[in-house]
Amino acid sequence: MNSSNKTLIRDQGELIRQFSQLVAQEKQISWESDVLPDDSAPTELRLKLDGKVYRYTPRYFIAPTADDILAVPAAARTSVLLVVPKLAPTLIELCRQHRVSAADLNGRIYLRAPGLLVDRGALPGRDFRVELEPRNVFVGKSVRIVRTLLTDHERVWSQAEIVQRTGASSGLVSRIITHLLRQGLLRKTDPRRFHVVSPSLLLDAWVEADDFARRVTTHRFSALSGDPLALAHSVSNALANSPEAPRFAFTQWIAAWLRKPYTEPPVMSLYLSRLPSPGFLESLGLRPVSDAGRVWFHLPNDEGVFLERRTVNNLPLVTDAQIYLDLQRTGLRGPEQAAALREWEGFCRP
């Protein structure tokens, strides 16, 4: 098989040519098709299995959306094969829900027909993708868009609203929204408005892409107070009245506990736009430590974490989705608290 790494597909001709080669070289699935030149598109693919013949008509999409899957007529869903450069998990899930067959250039394939189910992952050594895909929508100002979309997963949004709430340029918002539409994570309700198709899949994609240690610098402190809530109020009041006036918002255990109590917070942590002066820290009884510590100050690479804050018990908190993200891979029962928050009916609701 072609062992190309990070091969960019720029047009439908490249998609057809690469898929034709994949079909010809396929070893695990015995496709049959009419004999065609190497650069021609198979008009029909046949799969013989257990004495039955399953016939599929390929339809080629460089950048499919959820609407492309939903547009396949119900009567044709056992005979159409969507062919794309790279199948995103959200598109696969939509294919499962609507019994639409699909394949990509990485060898990922999902086939449905009466009496047939084939669900194979990508083959090793293949990394095809669309040239227009952003490198990572979950970093920098791009992730501000995702964070805003997850503040209210039932809301119908416009691009102008996203621009206003994130401070990102209209060009960046347009590119990210287009990418999320192509990934099946968003769906248009009309030409100008859209909504999140699956908040869970969007959140899971964010978690998978996130690297907490690279997007923040963490400073840890010991504290005299043993009550995390009293400590949070003490720190919040001091910061709010400080002449240094840093931006701040609580996250992780203390924030999750305030939203949906599950386990008593072992650490009081918050995002800060800058580290307070040594004198300020000393006045709160905070002493720097190399590890552990009951107080964690996170200085973010992008101050978008301070957008979309909400106030609970007179404390500013980051968004629910951000809290959930920040509790992953933390230990100290952080993932358990995150799961309890996510299962709560008020999660990611205004």
Protein backbone atom coordinates (compact mmCIF):
# COMPACT_ATOMS: atom_id res chain seq x y z
CA MET A 1 0.00 0.00 0.00
CA ASN A 2 0.99 3.59 -0.46
CA SER A 3 2.97 4.57 2.61
CA SER A 4 2.78 8.33 2.08
CA ASN A 5 2.95 10.43 5.24
CA LYS A 6 0.86 13.59 5.58
CA THR A 7 -0.24 13.60 1.97
CA LEU A 8 -2.39 16.65 1.17
CA ILE A 9 -5.36 16.21 -1.14
CA ARG A 10 -6.02 19.40 -3.08
CA ASP A 11 -8.82 18.51 -5.50
CA GLN A 12 -11.28 15.80 -6.46
CA GLY A 13 -8.97 14.43 -9.16
CA GLU A 14 -6.32 13.61 -6.54
CA LEU A 15 -8.96 12.06 -4.31
CA ILE A 16 -10.21 9.81 -7.12
CA ARG A 17 -6.71 8.79 -8.20
CA GLN A 18 -5.58 7.90 -4.68
CA PHE A 19 -8.79 6.00 -3.93
CA SER A 20 -8.48 4.00 -7.16
CA GLN A 21 -4.95 3.00 -6.13
CA LEU A 22 -6.14 2.06 -2.65
CA VAL A 23 -8.90 -0.17 -4.06
CA ALA A 24 -6.44 -1.86 -6.46
CA GLN A 25 -3.96 -2.56 -3.64
CA GLU A 26 -6.48 -3.51 -0.96
CA LYS A 27 -5.71 -6.86 0.66
CA GLN A 28 -8.24 -7.17 3.49
CA ILE A 29 -11.37 -6.26 1.55
CA SER A 30 -11.86 -7.93 -1.83
CA TRP A 31 -13.29 -5.17 -3.95
CA GLU A 32 -14.22 -5.80 -7.57
CA SER A 33 -14.73 -3.04 -10.11
CA ASP A 34 -14.74 -2.47 -13.83
CA VAL A 35 -11.28 -2.30 -15.37
CA LEU A 36 -10.45 1.40 -15.63
CA PRO A 37 -7.35 3.54 -16.25
CA ASP A 38 -5.39 4.31 -13.08
CA ASP A 39 -6.67 7.87 -12.86
CA SER A 40 -10.35 7.05 -13.51
CA ALA A 41 -13.03 6.81 -10.85
CA PRO A 42 -14.66 3.41 -10.25
CA THR A 43 -18.32 3.84 -11.12
CA GLU A 44 -19.29 0.80 -9.08
CA LEU A 45 -17.58 -1.29 -6.42
CA ARG A 46 -18.67 -4.84 -5.66
CA LEU A 47 -17.96 -6.79 -2.51
CA LYS A 48 -18.55 -10.56 -2.53
CA LEU A 49 -19.04 -12.09 0.88
CA ASP A 50 -20.67 -15.38 1.95
CA GLY A 51 -22.24 -15.87 -1.43
CA LYS A 52 -23.75 -12.39 -1.56
CA VAL A 53 -22.76 -9.43 -3.71
CA TYR A 54 -22.95 -5.93 -2.24
CA ARG A 55 -22.81 -3.08 -4.78
CA TYR A 56 -21.73 0.47 -4.00
CA THR A 57 -21.66 3.63 -6.06
CA PRO A 58 -18.85 5.94 -4.85
CA ARG A 59 -19.56 9.61 -4.27
CA TYR A 60 -16.47 11.77 -3.83
CA PHE A 61 -16.25 14.69 -1.39
CA ILE A 62 -13.13 16.73 -0.68
CA ALA A 63 -14.60 18.31 2.45
CA PRO A 64 -17.95 16.72 3.37
CA THR A 65 -20.32 18.12 5.94
CA ALA A 66 -23.08 16.56 8.01
CA ASP A 67 -25.55 17.80 5.40
CA ASP A 68 -23.81 15.73 2.71
CA ILE A 69 -24.46 12.59 4.74
CA LEU A 70 -28.04 13.54 5.55
CA ALA A 71 -28.65 14.35 1.89
CA VAL A 72 -28.21 10.71 0.85
CA PRO A 73 -31.76 9.44 0.17
CA ALA A 74 -32.91 6.72 2.53
CA ALA A 75 -33.53 4.38 -0.39
CA ALA A 76 -29.92 4.77 -1.58
CA ARG A 77 -28.15 4.36 1.76
CA THR A 78 -27.41 0.68 1.19
CA SER A 79 -25.75 1.36 -2.17
CA VAL A 80 -23.87 4.68 -1.80
CA LEU A 81 -20.25 4.88 -0.61
CA LEU A 82 -19.01 8.30 0.49
CA VAL A 83 -15.30 8.64 -0.33
CA VAL A 84 -13.30 11.38 1.43
CA PRO A 85 -9.63 12.14 2.15
CA LYS A 86 -10.00 11.64 5.92
CA LEU A 87 -13.01 10.50 7.94
CA ALA A 88 -13.42 12.44 11.17
CA PRO A 89 -14.94 10.60 14.16
CA THR A 90 -18.01 12.84 14.00
CA LEU A 91 -18.66 11.91 10.36
CA ILE A 92 -18.25 8.21 11.16
CA GLU A 93 -20.76 8.58 13.98
CA LEU A 94 -23.26 10.25 11.63
CA CYS A 95 -22.73 7.44 9.12
CA ARG A 96 -23.50 4.91 11.85
CA GLN A 97 -26.64 6.75 12.89
CA HIS A 98 -27.96 6.99 9.32
CA ARG A 99 -26.55 3.69 7.98
CA VAL A 100 -24.49 5.39 5.28
CA SER A 101 -21.32 3.67 4.05
CA ALA A 102 -18.07 5.64 3.85
CA ALA A 103 -14.35 5.20 3.19
CA ASP A 104 -11.26 7.40 3.26
CA LEU A 105 -7.77 7.35 1.80
CA ASN A 106 -6.26 6.22 5.10
CA GLY A 107 -8.03 2.88 4.80
CA ARG A 108 -10.76 3.80 7.32
CA ILE A 109 -13.93 2.14 6.12
CA TYR A 110 -17.49 1.73 7.33
CA LEU A 111 -19.90 -0.40 5.30
CA ARG A 112 -23.56 -1.05 6.00
CA ALA A 113 -26.06 -3.13 4.06
CA PRO A 114 -28.70 -5.70 5.00
CA GLY A 115 -26.73 -8.48 6.70
CA LEU A 116 -23.40 -6.60 6.43
CA LEU A 117 -21.36 -4.52 8.85
CA VAL A 118 -17.71 -3.65 8.21
CA ASP A 119 -16.01 -1.15 10.55
CA ARG A 120 -12.24 -0.97 10.06
CA GLY A 121 -9.79 1.60 11.38
CA ALA A 122 -7.13 3.40 9.37
CA LEU A 123 -4.24 1.38 7.95
CA PRO A 124 -0.72 2.00 9.25
CA GLY A 125 1.58 4.34 7.35
CA ARG A 126 -1.17 6.44 5.77
CA ASP A 127 -1.94 10.05 6.66
CA PHE A 128 -4.08 11.72 4.00
CA ARG A 129 -5.86 14.96 4.75
CA VAL A 130 -7.40 17.98 3.04
CA GLU A 131 -5.01 20.83 2.27
CA LEU A 132 -7.38 23.40 3.75
CA GLU A 133 -7.60 21.77 7.20
CA PRO A 134 -6.32 23.98 10.03
CA ARG A 135 -3.30 22.53 11.82
CA ASN A 136 -5.07 22.58 15.18
CA VAL A 137 -8.35 24.25 16.05
CA PHE A 138 -7.74 23.68 19.77
CA VAL A 139 -4.90 26.14 20.34
CA GLY A 140 -4.49 29.92 20.62
CA LYS A 141 -7.33 32.11 19.45
CA SER A 142 -8.85 29.22 17.48
CA VAL A 143 -9.87 27.42 20.66
CA ARG A 144 -11.72 30.52 21.83
CA ILE A 145 -14.30 29.68 19.19
CA VAL A 146 -14.72 26.13 20.48
CA ARG A 147 -14.96 27.38 24.06
CA THR A 148 -17.73 29.83 23.15
CA LEU A 149 -19.69 27.23 21.17
CA LEU A 150 -19.69 24.98 24.24
CA THR A 151 -21.03 27.64 26.60
CA ASP A 152 -24.52 26.78 25.34
CA HIS A 153 -24.62 23.69 23.15
CA GLU A 154 -28.31 24.17 22.28
CA ARG A 155 -27.91 27.71 20.97
CA VAL A 156 -28.01 28.66 17.29
CA TRP A 157 -25.05 30.95 16.57
CA SER A 158 -24.07 33.45 13.91
CA GLN A 159 -20.51 34.15 12.84
CA ALA A 160 -20.85 37.79 13.96
CA GLU A 161 -21.76 36.66 17.49
CA ILE A 162 -18.69 34.40 17.66
CA VAL A 163 -16.43 37.24 16.47
CA GLN A 164 -17.82 39.61 19.09
CA ARG A 165 -17.55 37.13 21.97
CA THR A 166 -14.10 35.72 21.19
CA GLY A 167 -12.20 38.76 19.95
CA ALA A 168 -10.93 36.63 17.05
CA SER A 169 -10.81 38.03 13.53
CA SER A 170 -13.72 37.35 11.20
CA GLY A 171 -11.32 35.53 8.87
CA LEU A 172 -10.18 33.13 11.60
CA VAL A 173 -13.74 32.53 12.80
CA SER A 174 -14.83 31.80 9.23
CA ARG A 175 -12.01 29.27 8.71
CA ILE A 176 -12.64 27.46 11.99
CA ILE A 177 -16.41 27.37 11.54
CA THR A 178 -15.95 26.01 8.00
CA HIS A 179 -13.60 23.33 9.33
CA LEU A 180 -16.02 22.31 12.09
CA LEU A 181 -18.84 22.13 9.54
CA ARG A 182 -16.71 19.85 7.35
CA GLN A 183 -15.92 17.67 10.36
CA GLY A 184 -19.61 17.25 11.07
CA LEU A 185 -19.29 18.99 14.44
CA LEU A 186 -21.49 21.91 13.36
CA ARG A 187 -24.52 22.07 11.13
CA LYS A 188 -26.07 25.07 9.41
CA THR A 189 -29.66 25.96 10.21
CA ASP A 190 -29.67 28.57 7.44
CA PRO A 191 -26.91 30.21 5.32
CA ARG A 192 -25.82 32.47 8.18
CA ARG A 193 -26.46 30.44 11.33
CA PHE A 194 -25.28 27.13 12.77
CA HIS A 195 -25.36 24.98 15.89
CA VAL A 196 -23.27 22.26 17.52
CA VAL A 197 -24.33 18.82 16.27
CA SER A 198 -22.73 16.78 19.06
CA PRO A 199 -21.34 18.65 22.09
CA SER A 200 -19.89 15.39 23.42
CA LEU A 201 -17.88 14.71 20.26
CA LEU A 202 -16.64 18.31 20.11
CA LEU A 203 -15.58 18.16 23.76
CA ASP A 204 -13.91 14.77 23.29
CA ALA A 205 -11.97 16.10 20.29
CA TRP A 206 -10.80 19.04 22.42
CA VAL A 207 -9.69 16.73 25.23
CA GLU A 208 -7.78 14.51 22.79
CA ALA A 209 -5.92 17.48 21.30
CA ASP A 210 -5.22 19.31 24.56
CA ASP A 211 -1.77 19.56 26.12
CA PHE A 212 -2.28 21.31 29.45
CA ALA A 213 1.42 21.51 30.34
CA ARG A 214 2.23 23.33 27.09
CA ARG A 215 -0.55 25.92 27.27
CA VAL A 216 -0.01 27.05 30.86
CA THR A 217 2.80 27.80 33.30
CA THR A 218 1.87 26.59 36.76
CA HIS A 219 3.11 28.04 40.05
CA ARG A 220 2.39 26.03 43.22
CA PHE A 221 2.09 27.27 46.77
CA SER A 222 1.52 25.98 50.27
CA ALA A 223 -1.21 27.71 52.26
CA LEU A 224 -2.03 28.15 55.93
CA SER A 225 -5.78 27.79 55.43
CA GLY A 226 -7.14 24.24 55.13
CA ASP A 227 -10.59 25.26 53.85
CA PRO A 228 -10.43 25.48 50.02
CA LEU A 229 -13.62 27.55 49.70
CA ALA A 230 -12.54 30.05 52.37
CA LEU A 231 -9.13 30.23 50.72
CA ALA A 232 -10.73 30.84 47.30
CA HIS A 233 -12.77 33.75 48.69
CA SER A 234 -9.71 35.18 50.43
CA VAL A 235 -7.63 35.04 47.24
CA SER A 236 -10.49 36.37 45.10
CA ASN A 237 -11.14 39.35 47.38
CA ALA A 238 -7.45 40.19 47.55
CA LEU A 239 -7.01 39.99 43.77
CA ALA A 240 -10.14 42.05 43.10
CA ASN A 241 -8.86 44.83 45.34
CA SER A 242 -5.23 44.61 44.29
CA PRO A 243 -3.69 47.60 42.46
CA GLU A 244 -2.02 45.03 40.19
CA ALA A 245 -5.54 44.07 38.97
CA PRO A 246 -4.73 40.78 37.22
CA ARG A 247 -7.51 38.93 35.40
CA PHE A 248 -8.42 35.68 37.12
CA ALA A 249 -10.89 32.81 37.06
CA PHE A 250 -11.10 29.61 39.11
CA THR A 251 -10.84 26.19 37.49
CA GLN A 252 -10.33 22.47 38.16
CA TRP A 253 -11.53 21.01 41.50
CA ILE A 254 -12.81 24.16 43.22
CA ALA A 255 -14.70 25.32 40.11
CA ALA A 256 -16.18 21.89 39.39
CA TRP A 257 -17.23 21.53 43.02
CA LEU A 258 -19.00 24.90 42.91
CA ARG A 259 -20.85 23.86 39.76
CA LYS A 260 -21.60 20.24 40.76
CA PRO A 261 -20.30 19.06 44.15
CA TYR A 262 -18.80 15.59 44.05
CA THR A 263 -15.59 15.40 46.07
CA GLU A 264 -14.07 18.03 48.35
CA PRO A 265 -11.46 20.05 46.41
CA PRO A 266 -7.92 18.92 47.30
CA VAL A 267 -6.43 21.94 45.48
CA MET A 268 -7.58 25.50 44.96
CA SER A 269 -6.52 26.50 41.44
CA LEU A 270 -7.16 29.47 39.19
CA TYR A 271 -5.97 31.13 36.02
CA LEU A 272 -4.13 34.44 36.39
CA SER A 273 -3.11 36.87 33.68
CA ARG A 274 0.14 37.49 35.58
CA LEU A 275 1.77 36.32 38.78
CA PRO A 276 1.19 38.61 41.79
CA SER A 277 4.15 40.21 43.56
CA PRO A 278 5.98 38.32 46.34
CA GLY A 279 4.58 40.78 48.90
CA PHE A 280 1.03 40.06 47.78
CA LEU A 281 1.57 36.31 48.01
CA GLU A 282 3.14 36.63 51.45
CA SER A 283 0.18 38.67 52.69
CA LEU A 284 -2.07 35.70 51.84
CA GLY A 285 0.21 33.22 53.56
CA LEU A 286 1.21 31.60 50.23
CA ARG A 287 4.71 30.16 50.00
CA PRO A 288 6.19 28.77 46.75
CA VAL A 289 6.78 24.99 46.61
CA SER A 290 8.38 22.86 43.90
CA ASP A 291 5.59 20.29 43.78
CA ALA A 292 2.27 19.39 45.42
CA GLY A 293 0.91 22.48 47.20
CA ARG A 294 -2.71 23.34 47.96
CA VAL A 295 -2.80 26.42 45.69
CA TRP A 296 -2.03 26.38 41.97
CA PHE A 297 -1.80 29.53 39.85
CA HIS A 298 -1.98 28.83 36.09
CA LEU A 299 -0.66 31.51 33.72
CA PRO A 300 -2.21 30.75 30.30
CA ASN A 301 -0.55 31.27 26.92
CA ASP A 302 -3.84 32.67 25.63
CA GLU A 303 -6.11 34.82 27.78
CA GLY A 304 -9.18 33.44 26.07
CA VAL A 305 -9.70 31.33 29.20
CA PHE A 306 -10.98 34.49 30.88
CA LEU A 307 -13.76 34.89 28.30
CA GLU A 308 -17.22 33.49 28.99
CA ARG A 309 -16.68 33.47 32.75
CA ARG A 310 -19.61 32.94 35.08
CA THR A 311 -19.93 33.86 38.77
CA VAL A 312 -20.90 31.23 41.35
CA ASN A 313 -20.89 31.98 45.08
CA ASN A 314 -19.25 35.34 44.26
CA LEU A 315 -16.31 33.57 42.57
CA PRO A 316 -15.50 33.92 38.85
CA LEU A 317 -15.24 30.52 37.14
CA VAL A 318 -14.07 29.46 33.69
CA THR A 319 -16.59 27.68 31.45
CA ASP A 320 -17.87 24.19 32.25
CA ALA A 321 -16.07 22.74 29.24
CA GLN A 322 -12.81 24.39 30.34
CA ILE A 323 -13.21 23.03 33.87
CA TYR A 324 -13.80 19.53 32.48
CA LEU A 325 -10.76 19.83 30.20
CA ASP A 326 -8.50 21.08 33.00
CA LEU A 327 -9.39 18.13 35.24
CA GLN A 328 -8.21 15.50 32.77
CA ARG A 329 -5.04 13.56 33.66
CA THR A 330 -4.66 15.43 36.95
CA GLY A 331 -4.95 12.65 39.49
CA LEU A 332 -6.38 13.51 42.93
CA ARG A 333 -9.77 12.20 41.69
CA GLY A 334 -9.86 14.98 39.12
CA PRO A 335 -11.24 12.77 36.31
CA GLU A 336 -13.98 11.52 38.66
CA GLN A 337 -15.02 15.07 39.49
CA ALA A 338 -14.91 15.90 35.77
CA ALA A 339 -17.17 12.94 34.94
CA ALA A 340 -19.68 13.99 37.61
CA LEU A 341 -19.74 17.51 36.19
CA ARG A 342 -20.23 16.26 32.64
CA GLU A 343 -23.09 13.95 33.63
CA TRP A 344 -24.89 16.80 35.41
CA GLU A 345 -27.91 18.15 33.55
CA GLY A 346 -26.66 21.72 33.89
CA PHE A 347 -23.33 21.03 32.19
CA CYS A 348 -22.52 23.47 29.37
CA ARG A 349 -25.76 25.36 29.82
CA PRO A 350 -26.07 29.08 30.42
